[in-house]
């Protein structure tokens, strides 16, 4: 079977399972009907003025997470899929096989400290 077709089928089945088990967060936009980047932006554009009206300080941080998946430790991801989402052996085996062909890249971890506003590189810890 074509790998991209196989991935699309797994995605469809996994999303159906996550929806049926109500395991997706309400604000999760990816792979959900009637949710998109536009609905997320609309919510943010409504929430910021509302927060300001209530005297709260608002800050918007935009991140490009397009390569984030490749920084995830695959063993941790598989354990999380099993423990938090209840995925069984056959599904985990498929994910393990899929992940084997992907490269895991370790980024240095940064810890931000709110007391001084400075940060420290944790890769030397």
PDB file of N, CA and C in Angstrom:
ATOM      1  N   UNK A   1       0.845  -1.182   0.000  1.00  0.00           N
ATOM      2  CA  UNK A   1       0.000   0.000   0.000  1.00  0.00           C
ATOM      3  C   UNK A   1       0.887   1.242   0.000  1.00  0.00           C
ATOM      4  N   UNK A   2       0.457   2.252  -0.693  1.00  0.00           N
ATOM      5  CA  UNK A   2       1.161   3.527  -0.755  1.00  0.00           C
ATOM      6  C   UNK A   2       1.301   4.102   0.657  1.00  0.00           C
ATOM      7  N   UNK A   3       2.531   4.453   1.107  1.00  0.00           N
ATOM      8  CA  UNK A   3       2.723   4.960   2.472  1.00  0.00           C
ATOM      9  C   UNK A   3       1.876   6.178   2.800  1.00  0.00           C
ATOM     10  N   UNK A   4       1.684   7.093   1.839  1.00  0.00           N
ATOM     11  CA  UNK A   4       0.882   8.286   2.136  1.00  0.00           C
ATOM     12  C   UNK A   4      -0.589   7.932   2.293  1.00  0.00           C
ATOM     13  N   UNK A   5      -1.069   6.939   1.540  1.00  0.00           N
ATOM     14  CA  UNK A   5      -2.457   6.473   1.695  1.00  0.00           C
ATOM     15  C   UNK A   5      -2.596   5.786   3.048  1.00  0.00           C
ATOM     16  N   UNK A   6      -1.619   4.972   3.405  1.00  0.00           N
ATOM     17  CA  UNK A   6      -1.620   4.286   4.699  1.00  0.00           C
ATOM     18  C   UNK A   6      -1.651   5.302   5.840  1.00  0.00           C
ATOM     19  N   UNK A   7      -0.830   6.333   5.751  1.00  0.00           N
ATOM     20  CA  UNK A   7      -0.790   7.377   6.776  1.00  0.00           C
ATOM     21  C   UNK A   7      -2.122   8.105   6.854  1.00  0.00           C
ATOM     22  N   UNK A   8      -2.734   8.390   5.713  1.00  0.00           N
ATOM     23  CA  UNK A   8      -4.032   9.069   5.692  1.00  0.00           C
ATOM     24  C   UNK A   8      -5.103   8.208   6.355  1.00  0.00           C
ATOM     25  N   UNK A   9      -5.069   6.901   6.112  1.00  0.00           N
ATOM     26  CA  UNK A   9      -6.049   6.003   6.738  1.00  0.00           C
ATOM     27  C   UNK A   9      -5.864   5.938   8.254  1.00  0.00           C
ATOM     28  N   UNK A  10      -4.618   5.845   8.690  1.00  0.00           N
ATOM     29  CA  UNK A  10      -4.337   5.812  10.130  1.00  0.00           C
ATOM     30  C   UNK A  10      -4.778   7.122  10.772  1.00  0.00           C
ATOM     31  N   UNK A  11      -4.478   8.235  10.113  1.00  0.00           N
ATOM     32  CA  UNK A  11      -4.891   9.539  10.635  1.00  0.00           C
ATOM     33  C   UNK A  11      -6.405   9.596  10.793  1.00  0.00           C
ATOM     34  N   UNK A  12      -7.117   9.160   9.760  1.00  0.00           N
ATOM     35  CA  UNK A  12      -8.594   9.184   9.799  1.00  0.00           C
ATOM     36  C   UNK A  12      -9.127   8.324  10.943  1.00  0.00           C
ATOM     37  N   UNK A  13      -8.577   7.130  11.103  1.00  0.00           N
ATOM     38  CA  UNK A  13      -9.038   6.234  12.171  1.00  0.00           C
ATOM     39  C   UNK A  13      -8.670   6.771  13.549  1.00  0.00           C
ATOM     40  N   UNK A  14      -7.466   7.312  13.687  1.00  0.00           N
ATOM     41  CA  UNK A  14      -7.032   7.841  14.973  1.00  0.00           C
ATOM     42  C   UNK A  14      -7.884   9.046  15.383  1.00  0.00           C
ATOM     43  N   UNK A  15      -8.147   9.942  14.455  1.00  0.00           N
ATOM     44  CA  UNK A  15      -8.963  11.118  14.766  1.00  0.00           C
ATOM     45  C   UNK A  15     -10.390  10.688  15.125  1.00  0.00           C
ATOM     46  N   UNK A  16     -10.938   9.703  14.421  1.00  0.00           N
ATOM     47  CA  UNK A  16     -12.274   9.202  14.749  1.00  0.00           C
ATOM     48  C   UNK A  16     -12.289   8.637  16.172  1.00  0.00           C
ATOM     49  N   UNK A  17     -11.257   7.879  16.527  1.00  0.00           N
ATOM     50  CA  UNK A  17     -11.151   7.327  17.880  1.00  0.00           C
ATOM     51  C   UNK A  17     -11.037   8.438  18.923  1.00  0.00           C
ATOM     52  N   UNK A  18     -10.161   9.413  18.681  1.00  0.00           N
ATOM     53  CA  UNK A  18      -9.969  10.511  19.633  1.00  0.00           C
ATOM     54  C   UNK A  18     -11.246  11.326  19.810  1.00  0.00           C
ATOM     55  N   UNK A  19     -11.980  11.536  18.718  1.00  0.00           N
ATOM     56  CA  UNK A  19     -13.253  12.255  18.816  1.00  0.00           C
ATOM     57  C   UNK A  19     -14.283  11.444  19.584  1.00  0.00           C
ATOM     58  N   UNK A  20     -14.410  10.156  19.262  1.00  0.00           N
ATOM     59  CA  UNK A  20     -15.391   9.294  19.927  1.00  0.00           C
ATOM     60  C   UNK A  20     -15.100   9.174  21.419  1.00  0.00           C
ATOM     61  N   UNK A  21     -13.819   9.126  21.775  1.00  0.00           N
ATOM     62  CA  UNK A  21     -13.432   9.000  23.182  1.00  0.00           C
ATOM     63  C   UNK A  21     -13.347  10.362  23.873  1.00  0.00           C
ATOM     64  N   UNK A  22     -13.636  11.422  23.135  1.00  0.00           N
ATOM     65  CA  UNK A  22     -13.599  12.795  23.663  1.00  0.00           C
ATOM     66  C   UNK A  22     -12.233  13.115  24.288  1.00  0.00           C
ATOM     67  N   UNK A  23     -11.175  12.766  23.568  1.00  0.00           N
ATOM     68  CA  UNK A  23      -9.818  12.973  24.056  1.00  0.00           C
ATOM     69  C   UNK A  23      -9.140  14.219  23.482  1.00  0.00           C
ATOM     70  N   UNK A  24      -9.804  14.891  22.550  1.00  0.00           N
ATOM     71  CA  UNK A  24      -9.231  16.118  21.995  1.00  0.00           C
ATOM     72  C   UNK A  24      -9.688  17.310  22.829  1.00  0.00           C
ATOM     73  N   UNK A  25      -8.801  18.254  23.023  1.00  0.00           N
ATOM     74  CA  UNK A  25      -9.142  19.472  23.747  1.00  0.00           C
ATOM     75  C   UNK A  25     -10.142  20.290  22.939  1.00  0.00           C
ATOM     76  N   UNK A  26     -10.987  21.039  23.637  1.00  0.00           N
ATOM     77  CA  UNK A  26     -11.991  21.852  22.953  1.00  0.00           C
ATOM     78  C   UNK A  26     -11.374  22.817  21.950  1.00  0.00           C
ATOM     79  N   UNK A  27     -10.210  23.351  22.258  1.00  0.00           N
ATOM     80  CA  UNK A  27      -9.579  24.322  21.371  1.00  0.00           C
ATOM     81  C   UNK A  27      -8.633  23.693  20.354  1.00  0.00           C
ATOM     82  N   UNK A  28      -8.552  22.372  20.332  1.00  0.00           N
ATOM     83  CA  UNK A  28      -7.726  21.669  19.344  1.00  0.00           C
ATOM     84  C   UNK A  28      -8.300  21.936  17.959  1.00  0.00           C
ATOM     85  N   UNK A  29      -7.499  22.449  17.053  1.00  0.00           N
ATOM     86  CA  UNK A  29      -7.991  22.775  15.714  1.00  0.00           C
ATOM     87  C   UNK A  29      -7.633  21.733  14.668  1.00  0.00           C
ATOM     88  N   UNK A  30      -6.480  21.139  14.784  1.00  0.00           N
ATOM     89  CA  UNK A  30      -6.010  20.211  13.760  1.00  0.00           C
ATOM     90  C   UNK A  30      -6.893  18.973  13.676  1.00  0.00           C
ATOM     91  N   UNK A  31      -7.217  18.581  12.455  1.00  0.00           N
ATOM     92  CA  UNK A  31      -7.979  17.366  12.159  1.00  0.00           C
ATOM     93  C   UNK A  31      -9.393  17.360  12.736  1.00  0.00           C
ATOM     94  N   UNK A  32      -9.983  18.525  12.970  1.00  0.00           N
ATOM     95  CA  UNK A  32     -11.334  18.572  13.506  1.00  0.00           C
ATOM     96  C   UNK A  32     -12.246  19.314  12.547  1.00  0.00           C
ATOM     97  N   UNK A  33     -13.439  18.762  12.384  1.00  0.00           N
ATOM     98  CA  UNK A  33     -14.432  19.423  11.535  1.00  0.00           C
ATOM     99  C   UNK A  33     -14.794  20.768  12.142  1.00  0.00           C
ATOM    100  N   UNK A  34     -14.961  21.756  11.291  1.00  0.00           N
ATOM    101  CA  UNK A  34     -15.372  23.110  11.681  1.00  0.00           C
ATOM    102  C   UNK A  34     -14.340  23.808  12.566  1.00  0.00           C
ATOM    103  N   UNK A  35     -13.100  23.345  12.556  1.00  0.00           N
ATOM    104  CA  UNK A  35     -12.014  23.990  13.279  1.00  0.00           C
ATOM    105  C   UNK A  35     -10.878  24.193  12.286  1.00  0.00           C
ATOM    106  N   UNK A  36     -10.280  25.354  12.347  1.00  0.00           N
ATOM    107  CA  UNK A  36      -9.193  25.649  11.413  1.00  0.00           C
ATOM    108  C   UNK A  36      -8.316  26.739  12.004  1.00  0.00           C
ATOM    109  N   UNK A  37      -7.308  27.094  11.262  1.00  0.00           N
ATOM    110  CA  UNK A  37      -6.470  28.211  11.674  1.00  0.00           C
ATOM    111  C   UNK A  37      -7.316  29.476  11.781  1.00  0.00           C
ATOM    112  N   UNK A  38      -8.279  29.610  10.866  1.00  0.00           N
ATOM    113  CA  UNK A  38      -9.137  30.800  10.888  1.00  0.00           C
ATOM    114  C   UNK A  38      -9.992  30.869  12.149  1.00  0.00           C
ATOM    115  N   UNK A  39     -10.528  29.730  12.595  1.00  0.00           N
ATOM    116  CA  UNK A  39     -11.338  29.759  13.818  1.00  0.00           C
ATOM    117  C   UNK A  39     -10.460  30.047  15.025  1.00  0.00           C
ATOM    118  N   UNK A  40      -9.230  29.552  15.009  1.00  0.00           N
ATOM    119  CA  UNK A  40      -8.308  29.835  16.119  1.00  0.00           C
ATOM    120  C   UNK A  40      -7.954  31.314  16.154  1.00  0.00           C
ATOM    121  N   UNK A  41      -7.663  31.898  15.003  1.00  0.00           N
ATOM    122  CA  UNK A  41      -7.330  33.326  14.943  1.00  0.00           C
ATOM    123  C   UNK A  41      -8.539  34.169  15.358  1.00  0.00           C
ATOM    124  N   UNK A  42      -9.718  33.778  14.924  1.00  0.00           N
ATOM    125  CA  UNK A  42     -10.936  34.499  15.311  1.00  0.00           C
ATOM    126  C   UNK A  42     -11.105  34.503  16.818  1.00  0.00           C
ATOM    127  N   UNK A  43     -10.857  33.373  17.457  1.00  0.00           N
ATOM    128  CA  UNK A  43     -10.979  33.297  18.918  1.00  0.00           C
ATOM    129  C   UNK A  43      -9.954  34.210  19.590  1.00  0.00           C
ATOM    130  N   UNK A  44      -8.714  34.175  19.114  1.00  0.00           N
ATOM    131  CA  UNK A  44      -7.673  35.027  19.691  1.00  0.00           C
ATOM    132  C   UNK A  44      -8.033  36.500  19.522  1.00  0.00           C
ATOM    133  N   UNK A  45      -8.515  36.863  18.335  1.00  0.00           N
ATOM    134  CA  UNK A  45      -8.874  38.257  18.080  1.00  0.00           C
ATOM    135  C   UNK A  45     -10.064  38.715  18.923  1.00  0.00           C
ATOM    136  N   UNK A  46     -10.876  37.790  19.382  1.00  0.00           N
ATOM    137  CA  UNK A  46     -11.977  38.133  20.290  1.00  0.00           C
ATOM    138  C   UNK A  46     -11.494  38.145  21.740  1.00  0.00           C
ATOM    139  N   UNK A  47     -10.601  37.222  22.097  1.00  0.00           N
ATOM    140  CA  UNK A  47     -10.147  37.098  23.484  1.00  0.00           C
ATOM    141  C   UNK A  47      -9.248  38.254  23.937  1.00  0.00           C
ATOM    142  N   UNK A  48      -8.402  38.758  23.055  1.00  0.00           N
ATOM    143  CA  UNK A  48      -7.470  39.824  23.447  1.00  0.00           C
ATOM    144  C   UNK A  48      -8.211  41.098  23.854  1.00  0.00           C
ATOM    145  N   UNK A  49      -9.126  41.619  23.036  1.00  0.00           N
ATOM    146  CA  UNK A  49      -9.846  42.822  23.484  1.00  0.00           C
ATOM    147  C   UNK A  49     -10.673  42.580  24.749  1.00  0.00           C
ATOM    148  N   UNK A  50     -11.231  41.373  24.886  1.00  0.00           N
ATOM    149  CA  UNK A  50     -12.009  41.063  26.085  1.00  0.00           C
ATOM    150  C   UNK A  50     -11.107  41.102  27.320  1.00  0.00           C
ATOM    151  N   UNK A  51      -9.920  40.544  27.214  1.00  0.00           N
ATOM    152  CA  UNK A  51      -8.970  40.565  28.335  1.00  0.00           C
ATOM    153  C   UNK A  51      -8.572  42.000  28.667  1.00  0.00           C
ATOM    154  N   UNK A  52      -8.313  42.798  27.652  1.00  0.00           N
ATOM    155  CA  UNK A  52      -7.948  44.203  27.872  1.00  0.00           C
ATOM    156  C   UNK A  52      -9.098  44.966  28.533  1.00  0.00           C
ATOM    157  N   UNK A  53     -10.332  44.674  28.111  1.00  0.00           N
ATOM    158  CA  UNK A  53     -11.503  45.316  28.720  1.00  0.00           C
ATOM    159  C   UNK A  53     -11.629  44.992  30.201  1.00  0.00           C
ATOM    160  N   UNK A  54     -11.145  43.827  30.594  1.00  0.00           N
ATOM    161  CA  UNK A  54     -11.195  43.411  32.000  1.00  0.00           C
ATOM    162  C   UNK A  54      -9.935  43.834  32.767  1.00  0.00           C
ATOM    163  N   UNK A  55      -9.089  44.636  32.133  1.00  0.00           N
ATOM    164  CA  UNK A  55      -7.890  45.136  32.802  1.00  0.00           C
ATOM    165  C   UNK A  55      -6.730  44.153  32.837  1.00  0.00           C
ATOM    166  N   UNK A  56      -6.814  43.101  32.072  1.00  0.00           N
ATOM    167  CA  UNK A  56      -5.729  42.115  32.017  1.00  0.00           C
ATOM    168  C   UNK A  56      -4.712  42.496  30.946  1.00  0.00           C
ATOM    169  N   UNK A  57      -3.520  42.056  31.131  1.00  0.00           N
ATOM    170  CA  UNK A  57      -2.468  42.265  30.145  1.00  0.00           C
ATOM    171  C   UNK A  57      -2.511  41.077  29.189  1.00  0.00           C
ATOM    172  N   UNK A  58      -2.393  41.349  27.911  1.00  0.00           N
ATOM    173  CA  UNK A  58      -2.422  40.280  26.911  1.00  0.00           C
ATOM    174  C   UNK A  58      -1.128  40.265  26.128  1.00  0.00           C
ATOM    175  N   UNK A  59      -0.739  39.073  25.731  1.00  0.00           N
ATOM    176  CA  UNK A  59       0.451  38.916  24.919  1.00  0.00           C
ATOM    177  C   UNK A  59       0.173  37.793  23.930  1.00  0.00           C
ATOM    178  N   UNK A  60       0.581  37.984  22.717  1.00  0.00           N
ATOM    179  CA  UNK A  60       0.404  36.982  21.682  1.00  0.00           C
ATOM    180  C   UNK A  60       1.784  36.526  21.221  1.00  0.00           C
ATOM    181  N   UNK A  61       2.011  35.225  21.260  1.00  0.00           N
ATOM    182  CA  UNK A  61       3.263  34.649  20.802  1.00  0.00           C
ATOM    183  C   UNK A  61       2.928  33.738  19.634  1.00  0.00           C
ATOM    184  N   UNK A  62       3.556  33.940  18.514  1.00  0.00           N
ATOM    185  CA  UNK A  62       3.338  33.113  17.337  1.00  0.00           C
ATOM    186  C   UNK A  62       4.578  32.273  17.092  1.00  0.00           C
ATOM    187  N   UNK A  63       4.393  30.980  16.964  1.00  0.00           N
ATOM    188  CA  UNK A  63       5.501  30.064  16.762  1.00  0.00           C
ATOM    189  C   UNK A  63       5.303  29.262  15.484  1.00  0.00           C
ATOM    190  N   UNK A  64       6.358  29.036  14.774  1.00  0.00           N
ATOM    191  CA  UNK A  64       6.312  28.143  13.622  1.00  0.00           C
ATOM    192  C   UNK A  64       6.722  26.765  14.115  1.00  0.00           C
ATOM    193  N   UNK A  65       5.748  25.884  14.244  1.00  0.00           N
ATOM    194  CA  UNK A  65       6.015  24.546  14.782  1.00  0.00           C
ATOM    195  C   UNK A  65       6.051  23.483  13.688  1.00  0.00           C
ATOM    196  N   UNK A  66       6.326  23.902  12.472  1.00  0.00           N
ATOM    197  CA  UNK A  66       6.268  22.967  11.352  1.00  0.00           C
ATOM    198  C   UNK A  66       7.266  21.815  11.483  1.00  0.00           C
ATOM    199  N   UNK A  67       8.382  22.019  12.163  1.00  0.00           N
ATOM    200  CA  UNK A  67       9.371  20.950  12.313  1.00  0.00           C
ATOM    201  C   UNK A  67       9.385  20.379  13.725  1.00  0.00           C
ATOM    202  N   UNK A  68       8.413  20.744  14.532  1.00  0.00           N
ATOM    203  CA  UNK A  68       8.400  20.322  15.932  1.00  0.00           C
ATOM    204  C   UNK A  68       8.354  18.808  16.084  1.00  0.00           C
ATOM    205  N   UNK A  69       7.603  18.142  15.228  1.00  0.00           N
ATOM    206  CA  UNK A  69       7.455  16.698  15.357  1.00  0.00           C
ATOM    207  C   UNK A  69       8.812  15.998  15.385  1.00  0.00           C
ATOM    208  N   UNK A  70       9.744  16.486  14.618  1.00  0.00           N
ATOM    209  CA  UNK A  70      11.061  15.851  14.550  1.00  0.00           C
ATOM    210  C   UNK A  70      11.914  16.098  15.792  1.00  0.00           C
ATOM    211  N   UNK A  71      11.459  16.937  16.712  1.00  0.00           N
ATOM    212  CA  UNK A  71      12.189  17.163  17.956  1.00  0.00           C
ATOM    213  C   UNK A  71      11.615  16.356  19.113  1.00  0.00           C
ATOM    214  N   UNK A  72      10.524  15.645  18.874  1.00  0.00           N
ATOM    215  CA  UNK A  72       9.873  14.854  19.921  1.00  0.00           C
ATOM    216  C   UNK A  72      10.612  13.533  20.089  1.00  0.00           C
ATOM    217  N   UNK A  73      10.894  13.181  21.331  1.00  0.00           N
ATOM    218  CA  UNK A  73      11.501  11.881  21.616  1.00  0.00           C
ATOM    219  C   UNK A  73      10.460  10.800  21.320  1.00  0.00           C
ATOM    220  N   UNK A  74      10.762   9.924  20.392  1.00  0.00           N
ATOM    221  CA  UNK A  74       9.791   8.944  19.927  1.00  0.00           C
ATOM    222  C   UNK A  74       9.368   7.962  21.011  1.00  0.00           C
ATOM    223  N   UNK A  75      10.272   7.566  21.885  1.00  0.00           N
ATOM    224  CA  UNK A  75       9.903   6.649  22.969  1.00  0.00           C
ATOM    225  C   UNK A  75       8.907   7.296  23.926  1.00  0.00           C
ATOM    226  N   UNK A  76       9.133   8.566  24.236  1.00  0.00           N
ATOM    227  CA  UNK A  76       8.203   9.291  25.107  1.00  0.00           C
ATOM    228  C   UNK A  76       6.848   9.423  24.417  1.00  0.00           C
ATOM    229  N   UNK A  77       6.855   9.735  23.125  1.00  0.00           N
ATOM    230  CA  UNK A  77       5.609   9.866  22.371  1.00  0.00           C
ATOM    231  C   UNK A  77       4.820   8.553  22.403  1.00  0.00           C
ATOM    232  N   UNK A  78       5.488   7.436  22.168  1.00  0.00           N
ATOM    233  CA  UNK A  78       4.803   6.141  22.172  1.00  0.00           C
ATOM    234  C   UNK A  78       4.236   5.814  23.552  1.00  0.00           C
ATOM    235  N   UNK A  79       5.002   6.094  24.602  1.00  0.00           N
ATOM    236  CA  UNK A  79       4.486   5.857  25.967  1.00  0.00           C
ATOM    237  C   UNK A  79       3.275   6.734  26.252  1.00  0.00           C
ATOM    238  N   UNK A  80       3.329   7.969  25.776  1.00  0.00           N
ATOM    239  CA  UNK A  80       2.210   8.900  26.002  1.00  0.00           C
ATOM    240  C   UNK A  80       0.966   8.459  25.236  1.00  0.00           C
ATOM    241  N   UNK A  81       1.152   7.988  23.997  1.00  0.00           N
ATOM    242  CA  UNK A  81       0.018   7.495  23.213  1.00  0.00           C
ATOM    243  C   UNK A  81      -0.656   6.320  23.904  1.00  0.00           C
ATOM    244  N   UNK A  82       0.135   5.484  24.544  1.00  0.00           N
ATOM    245  CA  UNK A  82      -0.430   4.333  25.254  1.00  0.00           C
ATOM    246  C   UNK A  82      -1.091   4.762  26.561  1.00  0.00           C
ATOM    247  N   UNK A  83      -0.373   5.511  27.387  1.00  0.00           N
ATOM    248  CA  UNK A  83      -0.864   5.852  28.723  1.00  0.00           C
ATOM    249  C   UNK A  83      -1.995   6.878  28.703  1.00  0.00           C
ATOM    250  N   UNK A  84      -1.871   7.902  27.904  1.00  0.00           N
ATOM    251  CA  UNK A  84      -2.847   8.992  27.930  1.00  0.00           C
ATOM    252  C   UNK A  84      -4.011   8.801  26.967  1.00  0.00           C
ATOM    253  N   UNK A  85      -3.766   8.071  25.878  1.00  0.00           N
ATOM    254  CA  UNK A  85      -4.796   7.942  24.854  1.00  0.00           C
ATOM    255  C   UNK A  85      -5.289   6.510  24.675  1.00  0.00           C
ATOM    256  N   UNK A  86      -4.734   5.585  25.439  1.00  0.00           N
ATOM    257  CA  UNK A  86      -5.227   4.217  25.427  1.00  0.00           C
ATOM    258  C   UNK A  86      -4.985   3.440  24.152  1.00  0.00           C
ATOM    259  N   UNK A  87      -3.968   3.812  23.377  1.00  0.00           N
ATOM    260  CA  UNK A  87      -3.700   3.081  22.149  1.00  0.00           C
ATOM    261  C   UNK A  87      -3.089   1.730  22.478  1.00  0.00           C
ATOM    262  N   UNK A  88      -3.506   0.709  21.757  1.00  0.00           N
ATOM    263  CA  UNK A  88      -3.070  -0.659  22.024  1.00  0.00           C
ATOM    264  C   UNK A  88      -1.851  -1.065  21.235  1.00  0.00           C
ATOM    265  N   UNK A  89      -1.472  -2.318  21.418  1.00  0.00           N
ATOM    266  CA  UNK A  89      -0.225  -2.849  20.850  1.00  0.00           C
ATOM    267  C   UNK A  89      -0.138  -2.735  19.332  1.00  0.00           C
ATOM    268  N   UNK A  90      -1.205  -3.094  18.625  1.00  0.00           N
ATOM    269  CA  UNK A  90      -1.153  -3.071  17.153  1.00  0.00           C
ATOM    270  C   UNK A  90      -0.954  -1.644  16.639  1.00  0.00           C
ATOM    271  N   UNK A  91      -1.671  -0.703  17.229  1.00  0.00           N
ATOM    272  CA  UNK A  91      -1.555   0.693  16.804  1.00  0.00           C
ATOM    273  C   UNK A  91      -0.169   1.226  17.155  1.00  0.00           C
ATOM    274  N   UNK A  92       0.295   0.911  18.350  1.00  0.00           N
ATOM    275  CA  UNK A  92       1.630   1.366  18.756  1.00  0.00           C
ATOM    276  C   UNK A  92       2.712   0.758  17.872  1.00  0.00           C
ATOM    277  N   UNK A  93       2.532  -0.477  17.447  1.00  0.00           N
ATOM    278  CA  UNK A  93       3.500  -1.106  16.537  1.00  0.00           C
ATOM    279  C   UNK A  93       3.560  -0.360  15.213  1.00  0.00           C
ATOM    280  N   UNK A  94       2.397   0.059  14.704  1.00  0.00           N
ATOM    281  CA  UNK A  94       2.381   0.819  13.467  1.00  0.00           C
ATOM    282  C   UNK A  94       3.115   2.137  13.658  1.00  0.00           C
ATOM    283  N   UNK A  95       2.814   2.843  14.751  1.00  0.00           N
ATOM    284  CA  UNK A  95       3.491   4.113  15.013  1.00  0.00           C
ATOM    285  C   UNK A  95       4.990   3.911  15.176  1.00  0.00           C
ATOM    286  N   UNK A  96       5.391   2.852  15.875  1.00  0.00           N
ATOM    287  CA  UNK A  96       6.819   2.570  16.069  1.00  0.00           C
ATOM    288  C   UNK A  96       7.496   2.374  14.710  1.00  0.00           C
ATOM    289  N   UNK A  97       6.856   1.625  13.830  1.00  0.00           N
ATOM    290  CA  UNK A  97       7.393   1.394  12.492  1.00  0.00           C
ATOM    291  C   UNK A  97       7.474   2.693  11.703  1.00  0.00           C
ATOM    292  N   UNK A  98       6.440   3.506  11.792  1.00  0.00           N
ATOM    293  CA  UNK A  98       6.414   4.786  11.091  1.00  0.00           C
ATOM    294  C   UNK A  98       7.525   5.702  11.604  1.00  0.00           C
ATOM    295  N   UNK A  99       7.676   5.757  12.925  1.00  0.00           N
ATOM    296  CA  UNK A  99       8.662   6.657  13.520  1.00  0.00           C
ATOM    297  C   UNK A  99      10.096   6.211  13.255  1.00  0.00           C
ATOM    298  N   UNK A 100      10.298   4.912  13.033  1.00  0.00           N
ATOM    299  CA  UNK A 100      11.643   4.395  12.796  1.00  0.00           C
ATOM    300  C   UNK A 100      12.285   5.062  11.583  1.00  0.00           C
ATOM    301  N   UNK A 101      11.477   5.444  10.601  1.00  0.00           N
ATOM    302  CA  UNK A 101      12.024   6.052   9.387  1.00  0.00           C
ATOM    303  C   UNK A 101      12.202   7.564   9.524  1.00  0.00           C
ATOM    304  N   UNK A 102      11.827   8.121  10.661  1.00  0.00           N
ATOM    305  CA  UNK A 102      11.959   9.561  10.884  1.00  0.00           C
ATOM    306  C   UNK A 102      13.178   9.831  11.749  1.00  0.00           C
ATOM    307  N   UNK A 103      13.734  10.997  11.605  1.00  0.00           N
ATOM    308  CA  UNK A 103      14.900  11.389  12.379  1.00  0.00           C
ATOM    309  C   UNK A 103      14.464  12.174  13.596  1.00  0.00           C
ATOM    310  N   UNK A 104      15.018  11.816  14.730  1.00  0.00           N
ATOM    311  CA  UNK A 104      14.765  12.562  15.968  1.00  0.00           C
ATOM    312  C   UNK A 104      15.932  13.499  16.169  1.00  0.00           C
ATOM    313  N   UNK A 105      15.632  14.761  16.366  1.00  0.00           N
ATOM    314  CA  UNK A 105      16.680  15.768  16.548  1.00  0.00           C
ATOM    315  C   UNK A 105      16.515  16.378  17.926  1.00  0.00           C
ATOM    316  N   UNK A 106      17.549  16.350  18.743  1.00  0.00           N
ATOM    317  CA  UNK A 106      17.503  16.929  20.089  1.00  0.00           C
ATOM    318  C   UNK A 106      17.919  18.384  20.047  1.00  0.00           C
ATOM    319  N   UNK A 107      16.984  19.271  20.380  1.00  0.00           N
ATOM    320  CA  UNK A 107      17.290  20.683  20.515  1.00  0.00           C
ATOM    321  C   UNK A 107      17.740  20.937  21.934  1.00  0.00           C
ATOM    322  N   UNK A 108      18.621  21.905  22.157  1.00  0.00           N
ATOM    323  CA  UNK A 108      18.962  22.248  23.543  1.00  0.00           C
ATOM    324  C   UNK A 108      17.714  22.779  24.247  1.00  0.00           C
ATOM    325  N   UNK A 109      17.524  22.393  25.497  1.00  0.00           N
ATOM    326  CA  UNK A 109      16.356  22.857  26.240  1.00  0.00           C
ATOM    327  C   UNK A 109      16.690  24.153  26.962  1.00  0.00           C
ATOM    328  N   UNK A 110      15.780  25.074  26.887  1.00  0.00           N
ATOM    329  CA  UNK A 110      15.955  26.382  27.512  1.00  0.00           C
ATOM    330  C   UNK A 110      14.928  26.514  28.630  1.00  0.00           C
ATOM    331  N   UNK A 111      15.359  26.975  29.777  1.00  0.00           N
ATOM    332  CA  UNK A 111      14.437  27.233  30.883  1.00  0.00           C
ATOM    333  C   UNK A 111      14.383  28.734  31.094  1.00  0.00           C
ATOM    334  N   UNK A 112      13.180  29.264  31.136  1.00  0.00           N
ATOM    335  CA  UNK A 112      13.005  30.690  31.353  1.00  0.00           C
ATOM    336  C   UNK A 112      12.706  30.929  32.823  1.00  0.00           C
ATOM    337  N   UNK A 113      13.320  31.941  33.375  1.00  0.00           N
ATOM    338  CA  UNK A 113      13.093  32.277  34.780  1.00  0.00           C
ATOM    339  C   UNK A 113      12.319  33.577  34.840  1.00  0.00           C
ATOM    340  N   UNK A 114      11.215  33.565  35.558  1.00  0.00           N
ATOM    341  CA  UNK A 114      10.382  34.760  35.615  1.00  0.00           C
ATOM    342  C   UNK A 114      10.912  35.789  36.602  1.00  0.00           C
ATOM    343  N   UNK A 115      11.762  35.369  37.553  1.00  0.00           N
ATOM    344  CA  UNK A 115      12.218  36.317  38.566  1.00  0.00           C
ATOM    345  C   UNK A 115      13.150  37.390  38.009  1.00  0.00           C
ATOM    346  N   UNK A 116      14.005  37.035  37.071  1.00  0.00           N
ATOM    347  CA  UNK A 116      14.934  38.039  36.548  1.00  0.00           C
ATOM    348  C   UNK A 116      14.736  38.296  35.063  1.00  0.00           C
ATOM    349  N   UNK A 117      13.829  37.517  34.458  1.00  0.00           N
ATOM    350  CA  UNK A 117      13.605  37.677  33.026  1.00  0.00           C
ATOM    351  C   UNK A 117      14.705  37.067  32.183  1.00  0.00           C
ATOM    352  N   UNK A 118      15.683  36.433  32.831  1.00  0.00           N
ATOM    353  CA  UNK A 118      16.783  35.833  32.068  1.00  0.00           C
ATOM    354  C   UNK A 118      16.483  34.369  31.807  1.00  0.00           C
ATOM    355  N   UNK A 119      17.293  33.778  30.989  1.00  0.00           N
ATOM    356  CA  UNK A 119      17.150  32.347  30.727  1.00  0.00           C
ATOM    357  C   UNK A 119      18.519  31.686  30.825  1.00  0.00           C
ATOM    358  N   UNK A 120      18.457  30.376  30.974  1.00  0.00           N
ATOM    359  CA  UNK A 120      19.681  29.615  31.128  1.00  0.00           C
ATOM    360  C   UNK A 120      19.609  28.391  30.225  1.00  0.00           C
ATOM    361  N   UNK A 121      20.694  28.080  29.567  1.00  0.00           N
ATOM    362  CA  UNK A 121      20.772  26.904  28.723  1.00  0.00           C
ATOM    363  C   UNK A 121      20.852  25.681  29.621  1.00  0.00           C
ATOM    364  N   UNK A 122      19.853  24.769  29.514  1.00  0.00           N
ATOM    365  CA  UNK A 122      19.811  23.591  30.364  1.00  0.00           C
ATOM    366  C   UNK A 122      20.626  22.438  29.787  1.00  0.00           C
ATOM    367  N   UNK A 123      21.156  22.592  28.587  1.00  0.00           N
ATOM    368  CA  UNK A 123      21.903  21.472  27.997  1.00  0.00           C
ATOM    369  C   UNK A 123      23.152  21.156  28.796  1.00  0.00           C
ATOM    370  N   UNK A 124      23.613  22.074  29.630  1.00  0.00           N
ATOM    371  CA  UNK A 124      24.795  21.806  30.450  1.00  0.00           C
ATOM    372  C   UNK A 124      24.440  21.243  31.816  1.00  0.00           C
ATOM    373  N   UNK A 125      23.115  21.138  32.142  1.00  0.00           N
ATOM    374  CA  UNK A 125      22.672  20.597  33.446  1.00  0.00           C
ATOM    375  C   UNK A 125      22.937  19.108  33.542  1.00  0.00           C
TER     376      UNK A 125
END
